[in-house]
Amino acid sequence: MREKIYVEKAIKTEKNEVILIVNDDFSIKELTATGQVLVDSNELAFVYIVEKDDSFMYLELTLKTWPILKDGLVNNCEYKLSNGEETMVLPNLKEELLYLIDNIKGNSNYGEEMVTKVEECFCN
């Protein structure tokens, strides 16, 4: 099973950035962003894939982060990951989210609950 990194909170800054904040004891300096996002319908989450030491880790973007993710999409923000000391850019997150949201709308292959939650948050 892939290791999951849980985003504790998401904030939008005055610099037009969305910062996804993880636990301050989790080092992100060894991570490499892949620019790929998956959907985890069971967990109702988007999953940004990062690489560490030739293995993949999943950055979980759960429902609690979605309102800020949407705000970032609306305002064309840059997305970053931070533990309070270290920060890294998450390239292609915006484009991947837009693609997935468009694909999920009305698509029962993602499960009824996932479709409903995505439509409620991102399509209104």
PDB file of N, CA and C in Angstrom:
ATOM      1  N   MET A   1       0.842  -1.191   0.000  1.00  0.00           N
ATOM      2  CA  MET A   1       0.000   0.000   0.000  1.00  0.00           C
ATOM      3  C   MET A   1       0.879   1.245   0.000  1.00  0.00           C
ATOM      4  N   ARG A   2       0.487   2.210  -0.756  1.00  0.00           N
ATOM      5  CA  ARG A   2       1.231   3.463  -0.853  1.00  0.00           C
ATOM      6  C   ARG A   2       1.061   4.270   0.449  1.00  0.00           C
ATOM      7  N   GLU A   3       2.133   4.966   0.812  1.00  0.00           N
ATOM      8  CA  GLU A   3       2.055   5.835   1.983  1.00  0.00           C
ATOM      9  C   GLU A   3       1.232   7.067   1.630  1.00  0.00           C
ATOM     10  N   LYS A   4       0.366   7.455   2.545  1.00  0.00           N
ATOM     11  CA  LYS A   4      -0.475   8.633   2.326  1.00  0.00           C
ATOM     12  C   LYS A   4       0.040   9.789   3.163  1.00  0.00           C
ATOM     13  N   ILE A   5      -0.016  10.962   2.572  1.00  0.00           N
ATOM     14  CA  ILE A   5       0.323  12.206   3.252  1.00  0.00           C
ATOM     15  C   ILE A   5      -0.990  12.969   3.380  1.00  0.00           C
ATOM     16  N   TYR A   6      -1.389  13.260   4.593  1.00  0.00           N
ATOM     17  CA  TYR A   6      -2.672  13.915   4.808  1.00  0.00           C
ATOM     18  C   TYR A   6      -2.496  15.430   4.943  1.00  0.00           C
ATOM     19  N   VAL A   7      -3.242  16.154   4.140  1.00  0.00           N
ATOM     20  CA  VAL A   7      -3.239  17.611   4.229  1.00  0.00           C
ATOM     21  C   VAL A   7      -4.115  17.997   5.413  1.00  0.00           C
ATOM     22  N   GLU A   8      -3.511  18.684   6.376  1.00  0.00           N
ATOM     23  CA  GLU A   8      -4.244  19.078   7.578  1.00  0.00           C
ATOM     24  C   GLU A   8      -5.175  20.250   7.325  1.00  0.00           C
ATOM     25  N   LYS A   9      -4.718  21.183   6.493  1.00  0.00           N
ATOM     26  CA  LYS A   9      -5.578  22.304   6.115  1.00  0.00           C
ATOM     27  C   LYS A   9      -5.040  22.941   4.848  1.00  0.00           C
ATOM     28  N   ALA A  10      -5.894  23.736   4.234  1.00  0.00           N
ATOM     29  CA  ALA A  10      -5.525  24.469   3.021  1.00  0.00           C
ATOM     30  C   ALA A  10      -5.874  25.927   3.240  1.00  0.00           C
ATOM     31  N   ILE A  11      -4.989  26.809   2.794  1.00  0.00           N
ATOM     32  CA  ILE A  11      -5.239  28.243   2.932  1.00  0.00           C
ATOM     33  C   ILE A  11      -4.941  28.941   1.605  1.00  0.00           C
ATOM     34  N   LYS A  12      -5.630  30.044   1.380  1.00  0.00           N
ATOM     35  CA  LYS A  12      -5.357  30.878   0.210  1.00  0.00           C
ATOM     36  C   LYS A  12      -4.661  32.127   0.721  1.00  0.00           C
ATOM     37  N   THR A  13      -3.542  32.474   0.105  1.00  0.00           N
ATOM     38  CA  THR A  13      -2.766  33.625   0.560  1.00  0.00           C
ATOM     39  C   THR A  13      -3.085  34.855  -0.278  1.00  0.00           C
ATOM     40  N   GLU A  14      -2.603  35.996   0.189  1.00  0.00           N
ATOM     41  CA  GLU A  14      -2.768  37.248  -0.548  1.00  0.00           C
ATOM     42  C   GLU A  14      -1.921  37.267  -1.812  1.00  0.00           C
ATOM     43  N   LYS A  15      -0.954  36.351  -1.915  1.00  0.00           N
ATOM     44  CA  LYS A  15      -0.092  36.255  -3.092  1.00  0.00           C
ATOM     45  C   LYS A  15      -0.721  35.389  -4.179  1.00  0.00           C
ATOM     46  N   ASN A  16      -2.009  35.096  -4.038  1.00  0.00           N
ATOM     47  CA  ASN A  16      -2.745  34.265  -5.000  1.00  0.00           C
ATOM     48  C   ASN A  16      -2.158  32.852  -5.078  1.00  0.00           C
ATOM     49  N   GLU A  17      -1.906  32.281  -3.897  1.00  0.00           N
ATOM     50  CA  GLU A  17      -1.415  30.915  -3.786  1.00  0.00           C
ATOM     51  C   GLU A  17      -2.382  30.120  -2.910  1.00  0.00           C
ATOM     52  N   VAL A  18      -2.489  28.846  -3.188  1.00  0.00           N
ATOM     53  CA  VAL A  18      -3.162  27.929  -2.280  1.00  0.00           C
ATOM     54  C   VAL A  18      -2.061  27.074  -1.665  1.00  0.00           C
ATOM     55  N   ILE A  19      -1.971  27.131  -0.345  1.00  0.00           N
ATOM     56  CA  ILE A  19      -0.960  26.373   0.378  1.00  0.00           C
ATOM     57  C   ILE A  19      -1.647  25.195   1.067  1.00  0.00           C
ATOM     58  N   LEU A  20      -1.190  24.001   0.736  1.00  0.00           N
ATOM     59  CA  LEU A  20      -1.675  22.780   1.363  1.00  0.00           C
ATOM     60  C   LEU A  20      -0.698  22.440   2.479  1.00  0.00           C
ATOM     61  N   ILE A  21      -1.196  22.427   3.696  1.00  0.00           N
ATOM     62  CA  ILE A  21      -0.326  22.306   4.856  1.00  0.00           C
ATOM     63  C   ILE A  21      -0.398  20.895   5.436  1.00  0.00           C
ATOM     64  N   VAL A  22       0.794  20.305   5.598  1.00  0.00           N
ATOM     65  CA  VAL A  22       0.916  18.990   6.217  1.00  0.00           C
ATOM     66  C   VAL A  22       1.556  19.162   7.593  1.00  0.00           C
ATOM     67  N   ASN A  23       1.608  18.098   8.347  1.00  0.00           N
ATOM     68  CA  ASN A  23       2.185  18.100   9.687  1.00  0.00           C
ATOM     69  C   ASN A  23       3.598  18.671   9.657  1.00  0.00           C
ATOM     70  N   ASP A  24       3.931  19.504  10.635  1.00  0.00           N
ATOM     71  CA  ASP A  24       5.230  20.183  10.617  1.00  0.00           C
ATOM     72  C   ASP A  24       6.414  19.250  10.851  1.00  0.00           C
ATOM     73  N   ASP A  25       6.180  18.021  11.288  1.00  0.00           N
ATOM     74  CA  ASP A  25       7.305  17.097  11.444  1.00  0.00           C
ATOM     75  C   ASP A  25       7.502  16.206  10.207  1.00  0.00           C
ATOM     76  N   PHE A  26       6.715  16.458   9.153  1.00  0.00           N
ATOM     77  CA  PHE A  26       6.868  15.708   7.908  1.00  0.00           C
ATOM     78  C   PHE A  26       7.753  16.513   6.958  1.00  0.00           C
ATOM     79  N   SER A  27       8.893  15.960   6.593  1.00  0.00           N
ATOM     80  CA  SER A  27       9.818  16.643   5.694  1.00  0.00           C
ATOM     81  C   SER A  27       9.368  16.483   4.248  1.00  0.00           C
ATOM     82  N   ILE A  28       9.266  17.597   3.550  1.00  0.00           N
ATOM     83  CA  ILE A  28       8.872  17.537   2.138  1.00  0.00           C
ATOM     84  C   ILE A  28      10.042  17.804   1.194  1.00  0.00           C
ATOM     85  N   LYS A  29      11.225  18.094   1.745  1.00  0.00           N
ATOM     86  CA  LYS A  29      12.357  18.446   0.889  1.00  0.00           C
ATOM     87  C   LYS A  29      12.819  17.289   0.010  1.00  0.00           C
ATOM     88  N   GLU A  30      12.512  16.044   0.375  1.00  0.00           N
ATOM     89  CA  GLU A  30      12.926  14.892  -0.413  1.00  0.00           C
ATOM     90  C   GLU A  30      11.856  14.462  -1.426  1.00  0.00           C
ATOM     91  N   LEU A  31      10.748  15.182  -1.482  1.00  0.00           N
ATOM     92  CA  LEU A  31       9.659  14.835  -2.385  1.00  0.00           C
ATOM     93  C   LEU A  31       9.861  15.483  -3.754  1.00  0.00           C
ATOM     94  N   THR A  32       9.403  14.791  -4.779  1.00  0.00           N
ATOM     95  CA  THR A  32       9.384  15.321  -6.132  1.00  0.00           C
ATOM     96  C   THR A  32       7.949  15.275  -6.629  1.00  0.00           C
ATOM     97  N   ALA A  33       7.450  16.395  -7.098  1.00  0.00           N
ATOM     98  CA  ALA A  33       6.082  16.461  -7.618  1.00  0.00           C
ATOM     99  C   ALA A  33       6.018  15.789  -8.982  1.00  0.00           C
ATOM    100  N   THR A  34       4.962  15.017  -9.215  1.00  0.00           N
ATOM    101  CA  THR A  34       4.815  14.325 -10.492  1.00  0.00           C
ATOM    102  C   THR A  34       3.888  15.063 -11.454  1.00  0.00           C
ATOM    103  N   GLY A  35       3.018  15.937 -10.921  1.00  0.00           N
ATOM    104  CA  GLY A  35       2.059  16.624 -11.767  1.00  0.00           C
ATOM    105  C   GLY A  35       0.850  15.771 -12.104  1.00  0.00           C
ATOM    106  N   GLN A  36       0.703  14.632 -11.430  1.00  0.00           N
ATOM    107  CA  GLN A  36      -0.418  13.735 -11.704  1.00  0.00           C
ATOM    108  C   GLN A  36      -1.373  13.684 -10.509  1.00  0.00           C
ATOM    109  N   VAL A  37      -2.677  13.643 -10.832  1.00  0.00           N
ATOM    110  CA  VAL A  37      -3.709  13.559  -9.805  1.00  0.00           C
ATOM    111  C   VAL A  37      -4.642  12.406 -10.141  1.00  0.00           C
ATOM    112  N   LEU A  38      -4.978  11.643  -9.132  1.00  0.00           N
ATOM    113  CA  LEU A  38      -5.934  10.545  -9.242  1.00  0.00           C
ATOM    114  C   LEU A  38      -7.172  10.877  -8.418  1.00  0.00           C
ATOM    115  N   VAL A  39      -8.180  10.032  -8.552  1.00  0.00           N
ATOM    116  CA  VAL A  39      -9.393  10.166  -7.749  1.00  0.00           C
ATOM    117  C   VAL A  39      -9.505   8.938  -6.857  1.00  0.00           C
ATOM    118  N   ASP A  40      -9.768   9.161  -5.577  1.00  0.00           N
ATOM    119  CA  ASP A  40     -10.047   8.076  -4.637  1.00  0.00           C
ATOM    120  C   ASP A  40     -11.503   8.215  -4.220  1.00  0.00           C
ATOM    121  N   SER A  41     -12.378   7.552  -4.952  1.00  0.00           N
ATOM    122  CA  SER A  41     -13.815   7.656  -4.691  1.00  0.00           C
ATOM    123  C   SER A  41     -14.195   7.087  -3.336  1.00  0.00           C
ATOM    124  N   ASN A  42     -13.481   6.076  -2.870  1.00  0.00           N
ATOM    125  CA  ASN A  42     -13.794   5.480  -1.566  1.00  0.00           C
ATOM    126  C   ASN A  42     -13.544   6.457  -0.427  1.00  0.00           C
ATOM    127  N   GLU A  43     -12.483   7.231  -0.549  1.00  0.00           N
ATOM    128  CA  GLU A  43     -12.125   8.202   0.492  1.00  0.00           C
ATOM    129  C   GLU A  43     -12.667   9.601   0.198  1.00  0.00           C
ATOM    130  N   LEU A  44     -13.372   9.755  -0.929  1.00  0.00           N
ATOM    131  CA  LEU A  44     -13.867  11.061  -1.375  1.00  0.00           C
ATOM    132  C   LEU A  44     -12.716  12.065  -1.382  1.00  0.00           C
ATOM    133  N   ALA A  45     -11.705  11.764  -2.180  1.00  0.00           N
ATOM    134  CA  ALA A  45     -10.507  12.598  -2.205  1.00  0.00           C
ATOM    135  C   ALA A  45      -9.892  12.624  -3.601  1.00  0.00           C
ATOM    136  N   PHE A  46      -9.205  13.728  -3.855  1.00  0.00           N
ATOM    137  CA  PHE A  46      -8.290  13.789  -4.979  1.00  0.00           C
ATOM    138  C   PHE A  46      -6.922  13.434  -4.402  1.00  0.00           C
ATOM    139  N   VAL A  47      -6.082  12.816  -5.200  1.00  0.00           N
ATOM    140  CA  VAL A  47      -4.788  12.344  -4.722  1.00  0.00           C
ATOM    141  C   VAL A  47      -3.699  12.853  -5.655  1.00  0.00           C
ATOM    142  N   TYR A  48      -2.862  13.749  -5.145  1.00  0.00           N
ATOM    143  CA  TYR A  48      -1.717  14.243  -5.912  1.00  0.00           C
ATOM    144  C   TYR A  48      -0.558  13.293  -5.640  1.00  0.00           C
ATOM    145  N   ILE A  49       0.078  12.827  -6.695  1.00  0.00           N
ATOM    146  CA  ILE A  49       1.157  11.850  -6.543  1.00  0.00           C
ATOM    147  C   ILE A  49       2.501  12.564  -6.446  1.00  0.00           C
ATOM    148  N   VAL A  50       3.252  12.205  -5.420  1.00  0.00           N
ATOM    149  CA  VAL A  50       4.622  12.698  -5.257  1.00  0.00           C
ATOM    150  C   VAL A  50       5.548  11.488  -5.181  1.00  0.00           C
ATOM    151  N   GLU A  51       6.793  11.730  -5.491  1.00  0.00           N
ATOM    152  CA  GLU A  51       7.777  10.654  -5.485  1.00  0.00           C
ATOM    153  C   GLU A  51       8.815  10.920  -4.406  1.00  0.00           C
ATOM    154  N   LYS A  52       9.233   9.832  -3.747  1.00  0.00           N
ATOM    155  CA  LYS A  52      10.290   9.917  -2.746  1.00  0.00           C
ATOM    156  C   LYS A  52      11.108   8.632  -2.829  1.00  0.00           C
ATOM    157  N   ASP A  53      12.393   8.773  -3.069  1.00  0.00           N
ATOM    158  CA  ASP A  53      13.281   7.605  -3.141  1.00  0.00           C
ATOM    159  C   ASP A  53      12.760   6.537  -4.093  1.00  0.00           C
ATOM    160  N   ASP A  54      12.395   6.907  -5.282  1.00  0.00           N
ATOM    161  CA  ASP A  54      11.928   5.980  -6.320  1.00  0.00           C
ATOM    162  C   ASP A  54      10.638   5.243  -5.965  1.00  0.00           C
ATOM    163  N   SER A  55       9.885   5.745  -4.994  1.00  0.00           N
ATOM    164  CA  SER A  55       8.564   5.178  -4.715  1.00  0.00           C
ATOM    165  C   SER A  55       7.559   6.327  -4.669  1.00  0.00           C
ATOM    166  N   PHE A  56       6.314   5.982  -4.842  1.00  0.00           N
ATOM    167  CA  PHE A  56       5.268   6.995  -4.896  1.00  0.00           C
ATOM    168  C   PHE A  56       4.553   7.121  -3.560  1.00  0.00           C
ATOM    169  N   MET A  57       4.141   8.337  -3.257  1.00  0.00           N
ATOM    170  CA  MET A  57       3.337   8.630  -2.073  1.00  0.00           C
ATOM    171  C   MET A  57       2.113   9.401  -2.535  1.00  0.00           C
ATOM    172  N   TYR A  58       1.031   9.278  -1.800  1.00  0.00           N
ATOM    173  CA  TYR A  58      -0.221   9.922  -2.161  1.00  0.00           C
ATOM    174  C   TYR A  58      -0.516  11.089  -1.232  1.00  0.00           C
ATOM    175  N   LEU A  59      -0.628  12.269  -1.807  1.00  0.00           N
ATOM    176  CA  LEU A  59      -1.020  13.464  -1.068  1.00  0.00           C
ATOM    177  C   LEU A  59      -2.541  13.559  -1.123  1.00  0.00           C
ATOM    178  N   GLU A  60      -3.206  13.274   0.000  1.00  0.00           N
ATOM    179  CA  GLU A  60      -4.666  13.192   0.062  1.00  0.00           C
ATOM    180  C   GLU A  60      -5.295  14.585   0.187  1.00  0.00           C
ATOM    181  N   LEU A  61      -6.130  14.921  -0.794  1.00  0.00           N
ATOM    182  CA  LEU A  61      -6.870  16.182  -0.789  1.00  0.00           C
ATOM    183  C   LEU A  61      -8.331  15.834  -0.509  1.00  0.00           C
ATOM    184  N   THR A  62      -8.673  15.797   0.766  1.00  0.00           N
ATOM    185  CA  THR A  62      -9.991  15.350   1.195  1.00  0.00           C
ATOM    186  C   THR A  62     -11.021  16.480   1.109  1.00  0.00           C
ATOM    187  N   LEU A  63     -12.259  16.124   1.377  1.00  0.00           N
ATOM    188  CA  LEU A  63     -13.379  17.072   1.295  1.00  0.00           C
ATOM    189  C   LEU A  63     -13.120  18.395   2.011  1.00  0.00           C
ATOM    190  N   LYS A  64     -12.445  18.342   3.151  1.00  0.00           N
ATOM    191  CA  LYS A  64     -12.235  19.581   3.921  1.00  0.00           C
ATOM    192  C   LYS A  64     -11.369  20.592   3.177  1.00  0.00           C
ATOM    193  N   THR A  65     -10.581  20.129   2.201  1.00  0.00           N
ATOM    194  CA  THR A  65      -9.732  21.045   1.436  1.00  0.00           C
ATOM    195  C   THR A  65     -10.416  21.563   0.176  1.00  0.00           C
ATOM    196  N   TRP A  66     -11.497  20.940  -0.226  1.00  0.00           N
ATOM    197  CA  TRP A  66     -12.118  21.264  -1.510  1.00  0.00           C
ATOM    198  C   TRP A  66     -12.572  22.712  -1.662  1.00  0.00           C
ATOM    199  N   PRO A  67     -13.169  23.346  -0.646  1.00  0.00           N
ATOM    200  CA  PRO A  67     -13.569  24.752  -0.842  1.00  0.00           C
ATOM    201  C   PRO A  67     -12.391  25.664  -1.191  1.00  0.00           C
ATOM    202  N   ILE A  68     -11.236  25.432  -0.575  1.00  0.00           N
ATOM    203  CA  ILE A  68     -10.054  26.243  -0.882  1.00  0.00           C
ATOM    204  C   ILE A  68      -9.500  25.857  -2.255  1.00  0.00           C
ATOM    205  N   LEU A  69      -9.540  24.564  -2.583  1.00  0.00           N
ATOM    206  CA  LEU A  69      -9.108  24.151  -3.930  1.00  0.00           C
ATOM    207  C   LEU A  69      -9.956  24.838  -4.987  1.00  0.00           C
ATOM    208  N   LYS A  70     -11.268  24.905  -4.748  1.00  0.00           N
ATOM    209  CA  LYS A  70     -12.162  25.573  -5.697  1.00  0.00           C
ATOM    210  C   LYS A  70     -11.825  27.054  -5.803  1.00  0.00           C
ATOM    211  N   ASP A  71     -11.608  27.706  -4.664  1.00  0.00           N
ATOM    212  CA  ASP A  71     -11.236  29.121  -4.655  1.00  0.00           C
ATOM    213  C   ASP A  71      -9.967  29.325  -5.478  1.00  0.00           C
ATOM    214  N   GLY A  72      -9.025  28.404  -5.347  1.00  0.00           N
ATOM    215  CA  GLY A  72      -7.792  28.483  -6.131  1.00  0.00           C
ATOM    216  C   GLY A  72      -8.032  28.338  -7.622  1.00  0.00           C
ATOM    217  N   LEU A  73      -8.971  27.477  -7.993  1.00  0.00           N
ATOM    218  CA  LEU A  73      -9.309  27.321  -9.412  1.00  0.00           C
ATOM    219  C   LEU A  73      -9.946  28.578  -9.967  1.00  0.00           C
ATOM    220  N   VAL A  74     -10.881  29.135  -9.205  1.00  0.00           N
ATOM    221  CA  VAL A  74     -11.598  30.341  -9.637  1.00  0.00           C
ATOM    222  C   VAL A  74     -10.635  31.516  -9.790  1.00  0.00           C
ATOM    223  N   ASN A  75      -9.636  31.592  -8.912  1.00  0.00           N
ATOM    224  CA  ASN A  75      -8.705  32.723  -8.908  1.00  0.00           C
ATOM    225  C   ASN A  75      -7.367  32.430  -9.578  1.00  0.00           C
ATOM    226  N   ASN A  76      -7.291  31.297 -10.275  1.00  0.00           N
ATOM    227  CA  ASN A  76      -6.080  30.931 -11.019  1.00  0.00           C
ATOM    228  C   ASN A  76      -4.834  30.965 -10.137  1.00  0.00           C
ATOM    229  N   CYS A  77      -4.930  30.344  -8.979  1.00  0.00           N
ATOM    230  CA  CYS A  77      -3.840  30.345  -8.007  1.00  0.00           C
ATOM    231  C   CYS A  77      -2.773  29.309  -8.343  1.00  0.00           C
ATOM    232  N   GLU A  78      -1.602  29.524  -7.785  1.00  0.00           N
ATOM    233  CA  GLU A  78      -0.545  28.521  -7.819  1.00  0.00           C
ATOM    234  C   GLU A  78      -0.726  27.660  -6.572  1.00  0.00           C
ATOM    235  N   TYR A  79      -0.550  26.357  -6.712  1.00  0.00           N
ATOM    236  CA  TYR A  79      -0.713  25.426  -5.590  1.00  0.00           C
ATOM    237  C   TYR A  79       0.649  25.007  -5.070  1.00  0.00           C
ATOM    238  N   LYS A  80       0.765  25.001  -3.723  1.00  0.00           N
ATOM    239  CA  LYS A  80       2.017  24.630  -3.084  1.00  0.00           C
ATOM    240  C   LYS A  80       1.745  23.732  -1.893  1.00  0.00           C
ATOM    241  N   LEU A  81       2.756  22.964  -1.510  1.00  0.00           N
ATOM    242  CA  LEU A  81       2.713  22.108  -0.333  1.00  0.00           C
ATOM    243  C   LEU A  81       3.703  22.668   0.677  1.00  0.00           C
ATOM    244  N   SER A  82       3.301  22.705   1.953  1.00  0.00           N
ATOM    245  CA  SER A  82       4.186  23.246   2.978  1.00  0.00           C
ATOM    246  C   SER A  82       4.010  22.498   4.297  1.00  0.00           C
ATOM    247  N   ASN A  83       5.096  22.418   5.049  1.00  0.00           N
ATOM    248  CA  ASN A  83       5.040  21.896   6.411  1.00  0.00           C
ATOM    249  C   ASN A  83       5.303  23.008   7.428  1.00  0.00           C
ATOM    250  N   GLY A  84       5.278  24.243   6.954  1.00  0.00           N
ATOM    251  CA  GLY A  84       5.544  25.391   7.814  1.00  0.00           C
ATOM    252  C   GLY A  84       6.943  25.942   7.640  1.00  0.00           C
ATOM    253  N   GLU A  85       7.890  25.078   7.287  1.00  0.00           N
ATOM    254  CA  GLU A  85       9.273  25.508   7.056  1.00  0.00           C
ATOM    255  C   GLU A  85       9.683  25.320   5.605  1.00  0.00           C
ATOM    256  N   GLU A  86       9.313  24.185   5.042  1.00  0.00           N
ATOM    257  CA  GLU A  86       9.664  23.865   3.658  1.00  0.00           C
ATOM    258  C   GLU A  86       8.422  24.025   2.788  1.00  0.00           C
ATOM    259  N   THR A  87       8.651  24.448   1.545  1.00  0.00           N
ATOM    260  CA  THR A  87       7.545  24.625   0.606  1.00  0.00           C
ATOM    261  C   THR A  87       7.971  24.112  -0.758  1.00  0.00           C
ATOM    262  N   MET A  88       7.034  23.476  -1.453  1.00  0.00           N
ATOM    263  CA  MET A  88       7.295  23.043  -2.823  1.00  0.00           C
ATOM    264  C   MET A  88       6.074  23.324  -3.679  1.00  0.00           C
ATOM    265  N   VAL A  89       6.318  23.641  -4.941  1.00  0.00           N
ATOM    266  CA  VAL A  89       5.246  23.880  -5.898  1.00  0.00           C
ATOM    267  C   VAL A  89       4.680  22.535  -6.343  1.00  0.00           C
ATOM    268  N   LEU A  90       3.361  22.511  -6.542  1.00  0.00           N
ATOM    269  CA  LEU A  90       2.686  21.318  -7.057  1.00  0.00           C
ATOM    270  C   LEU A  90       2.234  21.602  -8.488  1.00  0.00           C
ATOM    271  N   PRO A  91       3.138  21.412  -9.451  1.00  0.00           N
ATOM    272  CA  PRO A  91       2.801  21.737 -10.832  1.00  0.00           C
ATOM    273  C   PRO A  91       1.664  20.873 -11.354  1.00  0.00           C
ATOM    274  N   ASN A  92       0.891  21.474 -12.234  1.00  0.00           N
ATOM    275  CA  ASN A  92      -0.178  20.796 -12.958  1.00  0.00           C
ATOM    276  C   ASN A  92      -1.384  20.421 -12.091  1.00  0.00           C
ATOM    277  N   LEU A  93      -1.384  20.793 -10.816  1.00  0.00           N
ATOM    278  CA  LEU A  93      -2.523  20.444  -9.950  1.00  0.00           C
ATOM    279  C   LEU A  93      -3.801  21.097 -10.460  1.00  0.00           C
ATOM    280  N   LYS A  94      -3.721  22.356 -10.824  1.00  0.00           N
ATOM    281  CA  LYS A  94      -4.901  23.074 -11.315  1.00  0.00           C
ATOM    282  C   LYS A  94      -5.469  22.404 -12.565  1.00  0.00           C
ATOM    283  N   GLU A  95      -4.623  22.125 -13.521  1.00  0.00           N
ATOM    284  CA  GLU A  95      -5.065  21.519 -14.773  1.00  0.00           C
ATOM    285  C   GLU A  95      -5.663  20.125 -14.559  1.00  0.00           C
ATOM    286  N   GLU A  96      -5.020  19.351 -13.706  1.00  0.00           N
ATOM    287  CA  GLU A  96      -5.515  18.005 -13.408  1.00  0.00           C
ATOM    288  C   GLU A  96      -6.866  18.065 -12.700  1.00  0.00           C
ATOM    289  N   LEU A  97      -7.013  18.977 -11.737  1.00  0.00           N
ATOM    290  CA  LEU A  97      -8.297  19.119 -11.044  1.00  0.00           C
ATOM    291  C   LEU A  97      -9.413  19.496 -12.012  1.00  0.00           C
ATOM    292  N   LEU A  98      -9.135  20.467 -12.862  1.00  0.00           N
ATOM    293  CA  LEU A  98     -10.156  20.890 -13.830  1.00  0.00           C
ATOM    294  C   LEU A  98     -10.573  19.737 -14.736  1.00  0.00           C
ATOM    295  N   TYR A  99      -9.603  18.973 -15.191  1.00  0.00           N
ATOM    296  CA  TYR A  99      -9.896  17.828 -16.042  1.00  0.00           C
ATOM    297  C   TYR A  99     -10.741  16.790 -15.292  1.00  0.00           C
ATOM    298  N   LEU A 100     -10.321  16.455 -14.077  1.00  0.00           N
ATOM    299  CA  LEU A 100     -11.036  15.431 -13.312  1.00  0.00           C
ATOM    300  C   LEU A 100     -12.447  15.878 -12.932  1.00  0.00           C
ATOM    301  N   ILE A 101     -12.591  17.124 -12.512  1.00  0.00           N
ATOM    302  CA  ILE A 101     -13.914  17.640 -12.157  1.00  0.00           C
ATOM    303  C   ILE A 101     -14.852  17.538 -13.353  1.00  0.00           C
ATOM    304  N   ASP A 102     -14.359  17.939 -14.511  1.00  0.00           N
ATOM    305  CA  ASP A 102     -15.170  17.866 -15.721  1.00  0.00           C
ATOM    306  C   ASP A 102     -15.541  16.421 -16.054  1.00  0.00           C
ATOM    307  N   ASN A 103     -14.628  15.507 -15.827  1.00  0.00           N
ATOM    308  CA  ASN A 103     -14.862  14.093 -16.114  1.00  0.00           C
ATOM    309  C   ASN A 103     -15.803  13.434 -15.097  1.00  0.00           C
ATOM    310  N   ILE A 104     -15.760  13.888 -13.856  1.00  0.00           N
ATOM    311  CA  ILE A 104     -16.568  13.297 -12.786  1.00  0.00           C
ATOM    312  C   ILE A 104     -18.034  13.719 -12.883  1.00  0.00           C
ATOM    313  N   LYS A 105     -18.284  14.968 -13.313  1.00  0.00           N
ATOM    314  CA  LYS A 105     -19.662  15.479 -13.385  1.00  0.00           C
ATOM    315  C   LYS A 105     -20.560  14.503 -14.136  1.00  0.00           C
ATOM    316  N   GLY A 106     -21.584  14.016 -13.436  1.00  0.00           N
ATOM    317  CA  GLY A 106     -22.568  13.145 -14.050  1.00  0.00           C
ATOM    318  C   GLY A 106     -22.063  11.766 -14.438  1.00  0.00           C
ATOM    319  N   ASN A 107     -20.866  11.395 -14.023  1.00  0.00           N
ATOM    320  CA  ASN A 107     -20.261  10.124 -14.419  1.00  0.00           C
ATOM    321  C   ASN A 107     -20.335   9.128 -13.264  1.00  0.00           C
ATOM    322  N   SER A 108     -21.278   8.219 -13.330  1.00  0.00           N
ATOM    323  CA  SER A 108     -21.505   7.271 -12.242  1.00  0.00           C
ATOM    324  C   SER A 108     -20.355   6.293 -12.030  1.00  0.00           C
ATOM    325  N   ASN A 109     -19.397   6.253 -12.942  1.00  0.00           N
ATOM    326  CA  ASN A 109     -18.240   5.377 -12.754  1.00  0.00           C
ATOM    327  C   ASN A 109     -17.427   5.753 -11.517  1.00  0.00           C
ATOM    328  N   TYR A 110     -17.563   6.985 -11.065  1.00  0.00           N
ATOM    329  CA  TYR A 110     -16.829   7.438  -9.883  1.00  0.00           C
ATOM    330  C   TYR A 110     -17.598   7.190  -8.589  1.00  0.00           C
ATOM    331  N   GLY A 111     -18.792   6.662  -8.696  1.00  0.00           N
ATOM    332  CA  GLY A 111     -19.622   6.418  -7.520  1.00  0.00           C
ATOM    333  C   GLY A 111     -20.526   7.606  -7.264  1.00  0.00           C
ATOM    334  N   GLU A 112     -21.741   7.306  -6.852  1.00  0.00           N
ATOM    335  CA  GLU A 112     -22.757   8.343  -6.664  1.00  0.00           C
ATOM    336  C   GLU A 112     -22.332   9.408  -5.665  1.00  0.00           C
ATOM    337  N   GLU A 113     -21.734   8.978  -4.556  1.00  0.00           N
ATOM    338  CA  GLU A 113     -21.363   9.946  -3.523  1.00  0.00           C
ATOM    339  C   GLU A 113     -20.257  10.890  -4.003  1.00  0.00           C
ATOM    340  N   MET A 114     -19.279  10.356  -4.715  1.00  0.00           N
ATOM    341  CA  MET A 114     -18.191  11.193  -5.232  1.00  0.00           C
ATOM    342  C   MET A 114     -18.739  12.203  -6.234  1.00  0.00           C
ATOM    343  N   VAL A 115     -19.591  11.750  -7.136  1.00  0.00           N
ATOM    344  CA  VAL A 115     -20.186  12.647  -8.134  1.00  0.00           C
ATOM    345  C   VAL A 115     -20.969  13.753  -7.442  1.00  0.00           C
ATOM    346  N   THR A 116     -21.789  13.389  -6.457  1.00  0.00           N
ATOM    347  CA  THR A 116     -22.603  14.366  -5.745  1.00  0.00           C
ATOM    348  C   THR A 116     -21.730  15.398  -5.037  1.00  0.00           C
ATOM    349  N   LYS A 117     -20.696  14.936  -4.332  1.00  0.00           N
ATOM    350  CA  LYS A 117     -19.822  15.855  -3.584  1.00  0.00           C
ATOM    351  C   LYS A 117     -19.070  16.793  -4.520  1.00  0.00           C
ATOM    352  N   VAL A 118     -18.556  16.255  -5.637  1.00  0.00           N
ATOM    353  CA  VAL A 118     -17.832  17.097  -6.601  1.00  0.00           C
ATOM    354  C   VAL A 118     -18.763  18.134  -7.204  1.00  0.00           C
ATOM    355  N   GLU A 119     -19.953  17.715  -7.594  1.00  0.00           N
ATOM    356  CA  GLU A 119     -20.908  18.640  -8.187  1.00  0.00           C
ATOM    357  C   GLU A 119     -21.324  19.726  -7.181  1.00  0.00           C
ATOM    358  N   GLU A 120     -21.536  19.337  -5.922  1.00  0.00           N
ATOM    359  CA  GLU A 120     -21.931  20.312  -4.895  1.00  0.00           C
ATOM    360  C   GLU A 120     -20.843  21.341  -4.646  1.00  0.00           C
ATOM    361  N   CYS A 121     -19.593  20.903  -4.606  1.00  0.00           N
ATOM    362  CA  CYS A 121     -18.510  21.825  -4.281  1.00  0.00           C
ATOM    363  C   CYS A 121     -18.027  22.629  -5.480  1.00  0.00           C
ATOM    364  N   PHE A 122     -17.783  21.961  -6.589  1.00  0.00           N
ATOM    365  CA  PHE A 122     -17.080  22.600  -7.702  1.00  0.00           C
ATOM    366  C   PHE A 122     -17.971  23.125  -8.819  1.00  0.00           C
ATOM    367  N   CYS A 123     -19.214  22.696  -8.840  1.00  0.00           N
ATOM    368  CA  CYS A 123     -20.070  23.047  -9.979  1.00  0.00           C
ATOM    369  C   CYS A 123     -21.181  24.041  -9.620  1.00  0.00           C
ATOM    370  N   ASN A 124     -21.153  24.587  -8.455  1.00  0.00           N
ATOM    371  CA  ASN A 124     -22.160  25.571  -8.023  1.00  0.00           C
ATOM    372  C   ASN A 124     -21.537  26.929  -7.819  1.00  0.00           C
TER     373      ASN A 124
END
